[in-house]
Amino acid sequence: VEIQVVKLEKWLDDSLLYLRDALPEYRTFDVNMKSVVEESSQEVPVNQL
């Protein structure tokens, strides 16, 4: 098993209810997304959506 992190970010919704409550068209992500490489010493960015 291999797990790759494409983009690491924090969300304001700790319960991730947006995944449950959002309309299906908003529960998607870009399958062609490029990896975002962050320095390990940097703080994880917060997604404000």
PDB file of N, CA and C in Angstrom:
ATOM      1  N   VAL A   1       0.847  -1.182   0.000  1.00  0.00           N
ATOM      2  CA  VAL A   1       0.000   0.000   0.000  1.00  0.00           C
ATOM      3  C   VAL A   1       0.887   1.237   0.000  1.00  0.00           C
ATOM      4  N   GLU A   2       0.538   2.173  -0.854  1.00  0.00           N
ATOM      5  CA  GLU A   2       1.288   3.427  -0.928  1.00  0.00           C
ATOM      6  C   GLU A   2       0.307   4.587  -0.840  1.00  0.00           C
ATOM      7  N   ILE A   3       0.594   5.521   0.034  1.00  0.00           N
ATOM      8  CA  ILE A   3      -0.229   6.723   0.182  1.00  0.00           C
ATOM      9  C   ILE A   3       0.636   7.917  -0.149  1.00  0.00           C
ATOM     10  N   GLN A   4       0.162   8.749  -1.072  1.00  0.00           N
ATOM     11  CA  GLN A   4       0.890   9.956  -1.435  1.00  0.00           C
ATOM     12  C   GLN A   4       0.046  11.168  -1.072  1.00  0.00           C
ATOM     13  N   VAL A   5       0.651  12.123  -0.409  1.00  0.00           N
ATOM     14  CA  VAL A   5      -0.030  13.371  -0.077  1.00  0.00           C
ATOM     15  C   VAL A   5       0.197  14.330  -1.231  1.00  0.00           C
ATOM     16  N   VAL A   6      -0.891  14.798  -1.836  1.00  0.00           N
ATOM     17  CA  VAL A   6      -0.784  15.738  -2.947  1.00  0.00           C
ATOM     18  C   VAL A   6      -0.738  17.155  -2.409  1.00  0.00           C
ATOM     19  N   LYS A   7      -1.606  17.423  -1.428  1.00  0.00           N
ATOM     20  CA  LYS A   7      -1.648  18.765  -0.839  1.00  0.00           C
ATOM     21  C   LYS A   7      -2.096  18.626   0.609  1.00  0.00           C
ATOM     22  N   LEU A   8      -1.268  19.083   1.517  1.00  0.00           N
ATOM     23  CA  LEU A   8      -1.584  19.012   2.936  1.00  0.00           C
ATOM     24  C   LEU A   8      -2.103  20.365   3.382  1.00  0.00           C
ATOM     25  N   GLU A   9      -3.302  20.380   3.977  1.00  0.00           N
ATOM     26  CA  GLU A   9      -3.865  21.634   4.457  1.00  0.00           C
ATOM     27  C   GLU A   9      -4.806  21.362   5.618  1.00  0.00           C
ATOM     28  N   LYS A  10      -5.012  22.374   6.441  1.00  0.00           N
ATOM     29  CA  LYS A  10      -5.964  22.301   7.541  1.00  0.00           C
ATOM     30  C   LYS A  10      -7.272  22.920   7.078  1.00  0.00           C
ATOM     31  N   TRP A  11      -8.365  22.456   7.650  1.00  0.00           N
ATOM     32  CA  TRP A  11      -9.678  23.036   7.366  1.00  0.00           C
ATOM     33  C   TRP A  11     -10.256  23.589   8.656  1.00  0.00           C
ATOM     34  N   LEU A  12     -11.045  24.652   8.535  1.00  0.00           N
ATOM     35  CA  LEU A  12     -11.677  25.238   9.711  1.00  0.00           C
ATOM     36  C   LEU A  12     -12.737  24.300  10.285  1.00  0.00           C
ATOM     37  N   ASP A  13     -13.289  23.429   9.468  1.00  0.00           N
ATOM     38  CA  ASP A  13     -14.292  22.457   9.885  1.00  0.00           C
ATOM     39  C   ASP A  13     -13.571  21.186  10.336  1.00  0.00           C
ATOM     40  N   ASP A  14     -13.293  21.084  11.632  1.00  0.00           N
ATOM     41  CA  ASP A  14     -12.544  19.938  12.155  1.00  0.00           C
ATOM     42  C   ASP A  14     -13.246  18.601  11.927  1.00  0.00           C
ATOM     43  N   SER A  15     -14.580  18.629  11.835  1.00  0.00           N
ATOM     44  CA  SER A  15     -15.339  17.396  11.642  1.00  0.00           C
ATOM     45  C   SER A  15     -15.453  17.004  10.178  1.00  0.00           C
ATOM     46  N   LEU A  16     -14.985  17.875   9.290  1.00  0.00           N
ATOM     47  CA  LEU A  16     -15.060  17.646   7.846  1.00  0.00           C
ATOM     48  C   LEU A  16     -16.494  17.406   7.382  1.00  0.00           C
ATOM     49  N   LEU A  17     -17.447  18.086   8.020  1.00  0.00           N
ATOM     50  CA  LEU A  17     -18.854  17.928   7.647  1.00  0.00           C
ATOM     51  C   LEU A  17     -19.133  18.418   6.237  1.00  0.00           C
ATOM     52  N   TYR A  18     -18.270  19.279   5.710  1.00  0.00           N
ATOM     53  CA  TYR A  18     -18.472  19.752   4.342  1.00  0.00           C
ATOM     54  C   TYR A  18     -18.455  18.583   3.359  1.00  0.00           C
ATOM     55  N   LEU A  19     -17.727  17.526   3.682  1.00  0.00           N
ATOM     56  CA  LEU A  19     -17.704  16.357   2.797  1.00  0.00           C
ATOM     57  C   LEU A  19     -19.054  15.659   2.783  1.00  0.00           C
ATOM     58  N   ARG A  20     -19.705  15.649   3.899  1.00  0.00           N
ATOM     59  CA  ARG A  20     -21.013  15.009   4.001  1.00  0.00           C
ATOM     60  C   ARG A  20     -22.117  15.901   3.468  1.00  0.00           C
ATOM     61  N   ASP A  21     -22.049  17.207   3.778  1.00  0.00           N
ATOM     62  CA  ASP A  21     -23.151  18.113   3.499  1.00  0.00           C
ATOM     63  C   ASP A  21     -23.113  18.779   2.127  1.00  0.00           C
ATOM     64  N   ALA A  22     -21.965  18.802   1.498  1.00  0.00           N
ATOM     65  CA  ALA A  22     -21.842  19.497   0.213  1.00  0.00           C
ATOM     66  C   ALA A  22     -22.560  18.730  -0.897  1.00  0.00           C
ATOM     67  N   LEU A  23     -23.020  19.484  -1.884  1.00  0.00           N
ATOM     68  CA  LEU A  23     -23.603  18.857  -3.063  1.00  0.00           C
ATOM     69  C   LEU A  23     -22.521  18.035  -3.769  1.00  0.00           C
ATOM     70  N   PRO A  24     -22.894  16.951  -4.435  1.00  0.00           N
ATOM     71  CA  PRO A  24     -21.896  16.072  -5.068  1.00  0.00           C
ATOM     72  C   PRO A  24     -20.927  16.793  -5.998  1.00  0.00           C
ATOM     73  N   GLU A  25     -21.394  17.821  -6.696  1.00  0.00           N
ATOM     74  CA  GLU A  25     -20.495  18.520  -7.623  1.00  0.00           C
ATOM     75  C   GLU A  25     -19.390  19.281  -6.902  1.00  0.00           C
ATOM     76  N   TYR A  26     -19.535  19.492  -5.589  1.00  0.00           N
ATOM     77  CA  TYR A  26     -18.505  20.188  -4.820  1.00  0.00           C
ATOM     78  C   TYR A  26     -17.620  19.227  -4.027  1.00  0.00           C
ATOM     79  N   ARG A  27     -17.877  17.942  -4.097  1.00  0.00           N
ATOM     80  CA  ARG A  27     -17.093  16.939  -3.363  1.00  0.00           C
ATOM     81  C   ARG A  27     -15.992  16.342  -4.219  1.00  0.00           C
ATOM     82  N   THR A  28     -15.577  17.054  -5.191  1.00  0.00           N
ATOM     83  CA  THR A  28     -14.589  16.520  -6.113  1.00  0.00           C
ATOM     84  C   THR A  28     -13.255  17.227  -5.955  1.00  0.00           C
ATOM     85  N   PHE A  29     -12.251  16.684  -6.571  1.00  0.00           N
ATOM     86  CA  PHE A  29     -10.948  17.334  -6.625  1.00  0.00           C
ATOM     87  C   PHE A  29     -10.372  17.088  -8.009  1.00  0.00           C
ATOM     88  N   ASP A  30      -9.457  17.897  -8.384  1.00  0.00           N
ATOM     89  CA  ASP A  30      -8.839  17.808  -9.698  1.00  0.00           C
ATOM     90  C   ASP A  30      -7.931  16.579  -9.750  1.00  0.00           C
ATOM     91  N   VAL A  31      -8.277  15.601 -10.572  1.00  0.00           N
ATOM     92  CA  VAL A  31      -7.470  14.386 -10.659  1.00  0.00           C
ATOM     93  C   VAL A  31      -6.117  14.656 -11.302  1.00  0.00           C
ATOM     94  N   ASN A  32      -5.961  15.803 -11.929  1.00  0.00           N
ATOM     95  CA  ASN A  32      -4.689  16.183 -12.542  1.00  0.00           C
ATOM     96  C   ASN A  32      -3.888  17.140 -11.658  1.00  0.00           C
ATOM     97  N   MET A  33      -4.276  17.238 -10.392  1.00  0.00           N
ATOM     98  CA  MET A  33      -3.610  18.154  -9.467  1.00  0.00           C
ATOM     99  C   MET A  33      -2.136  17.784  -9.324  1.00  0.00           C
ATOM    100  N   LYS A  34      -1.305  18.780  -9.357  1.00  0.00           N
ATOM    101  CA  LYS A  34       0.134  18.577  -9.167  1.00  0.00           C
ATOM    102  C   LYS A  34       0.454  18.632  -7.674  1.00  0.00           C
ATOM    103  N   SER A  35       1.436  17.892  -7.255  1.00  0.00           N
ATOM    104  CA  SER A  35       1.846  17.897  -5.849  1.00  0.00           C
ATOM    105  C   SER A  35       2.337  19.275  -5.435  1.00  0.00           C
ATOM    106  N   VAL A  36       1.992  19.654  -4.212  1.00  0.00           N
ATOM    107  CA  VAL A  36       2.456  20.909  -3.635  1.00  0.00           C
ATOM    108  C   VAL A  36       3.495  20.545  -2.583  1.00  0.00           C
ATOM    109  N   VAL A  37       4.731  20.876  -2.847  1.00  0.00           N
ATOM    110  CA  VAL A  37       5.818  20.526  -1.932  1.00  0.00           C
ATOM    111  C   VAL A  37       6.043  21.681  -0.965  1.00  0.00           C
ATOM    112  N   GLU A  38       5.920  21.386   0.315  1.00  0.00           N
ATOM    113  CA  GLU A  38       6.133  22.383   1.365  1.00  0.00           C
ATOM    114  C   GLU A  38       7.354  21.973   2.183  1.00  0.00           C
ATOM    115  N   GLU A  39       8.025  22.947   2.724  1.00  0.00           N
ATOM    116  CA  GLU A  39       9.134  22.661   3.634  1.00  0.00           C
ATOM    117  C   GLU A  39       8.559  22.062   4.912  1.00  0.00           C
ATOM    118  N   SER A  40       9.211  21.077   5.471  1.00  0.00           N
ATOM    119  CA  SER A  40       8.697  20.432   6.680  1.00  0.00           C
ATOM    120  C   SER A  40       8.661  21.373   7.874  1.00  0.00           C
ATOM    121  N   SER A  41       9.430  22.444   7.822  1.00  0.00           N
ATOM    122  CA  SER A  41       9.447  23.398   8.933  1.00  0.00           C
ATOM    123  C   SER A  41       8.320  24.424   8.834  1.00  0.00           C
ATOM    124  N   GLN A  42       7.618  24.476   7.693  1.00  0.00           N
ATOM    125  CA  GLN A  42       6.541  25.444   7.526  1.00  0.00           C
ATOM    126  C   GLN A  42       5.265  24.950   8.191  1.00  0.00           C
ATOM    127  N   GLU A  43       4.454  25.902   8.641  1.00  0.00           N
ATOM    128  CA  GLU A  43       3.165  25.564   9.219  1.00  0.00           C
ATOM    129  C   GLU A  43       2.212  25.143   8.101  1.00  0.00           C
ATOM    130  N   VAL A  44       1.338  24.192   8.387  1.00  0.00           N
ATOM    131  CA  VAL A  44       0.378  23.723   7.391  1.00  0.00           C
ATOM    132  C   VAL A  44      -0.647  24.829   7.150  1.00  0.00           C
ATOM    133  N   PRO A  45      -0.877  25.217   5.880  1.00  0.00           N
ATOM    134  CA  PRO A  45      -1.813  26.299   5.591  1.00  0.00           C
ATOM    135  C   PRO A  45      -3.253  25.903   5.906  1.00  0.00           C
ATOM    136  N   VAL A  46      -4.078  26.894   6.267  1.00  0.00           N
ATOM    137  CA  VAL A  46      -5.490  26.683   6.575  1.00  0.00           C
ATOM    138  C   VAL A  46      -6.313  27.061   5.353  1.00  0.00           C
ATOM    139  N   ASN A  47      -7.181  26.153   4.920  1.00  0.00           N
ATOM    140  CA  ASN A  47      -8.094  26.431   3.820  1.00  0.00           C
ATOM    141  C   ASN A  47      -9.298  27.152   4.409  1.00  0.00           C
ATOM    142  N   GLN A  48      -9.580  28.356   3.947  1.00  0.00           N
ATOM    143  CA  GLN A  48     -10.643  29.186   4.514  1.00  0.00           C
ATOM    144  C   GLN A  48     -12.028  28.863   3.961  1.00  0.00           C
ATOM    145  N   LEU A  49     -12.132  27.968   2.983  1.00  0.00           N
ATOM    146  CA  LEU A  49     -13.445  27.661   2.403  1.00  0.00           C
ATOM    147  C   LEU A  49     -14.309  26.896   3.355  1.00  0.00           C
TER     148      LEU A  49
END
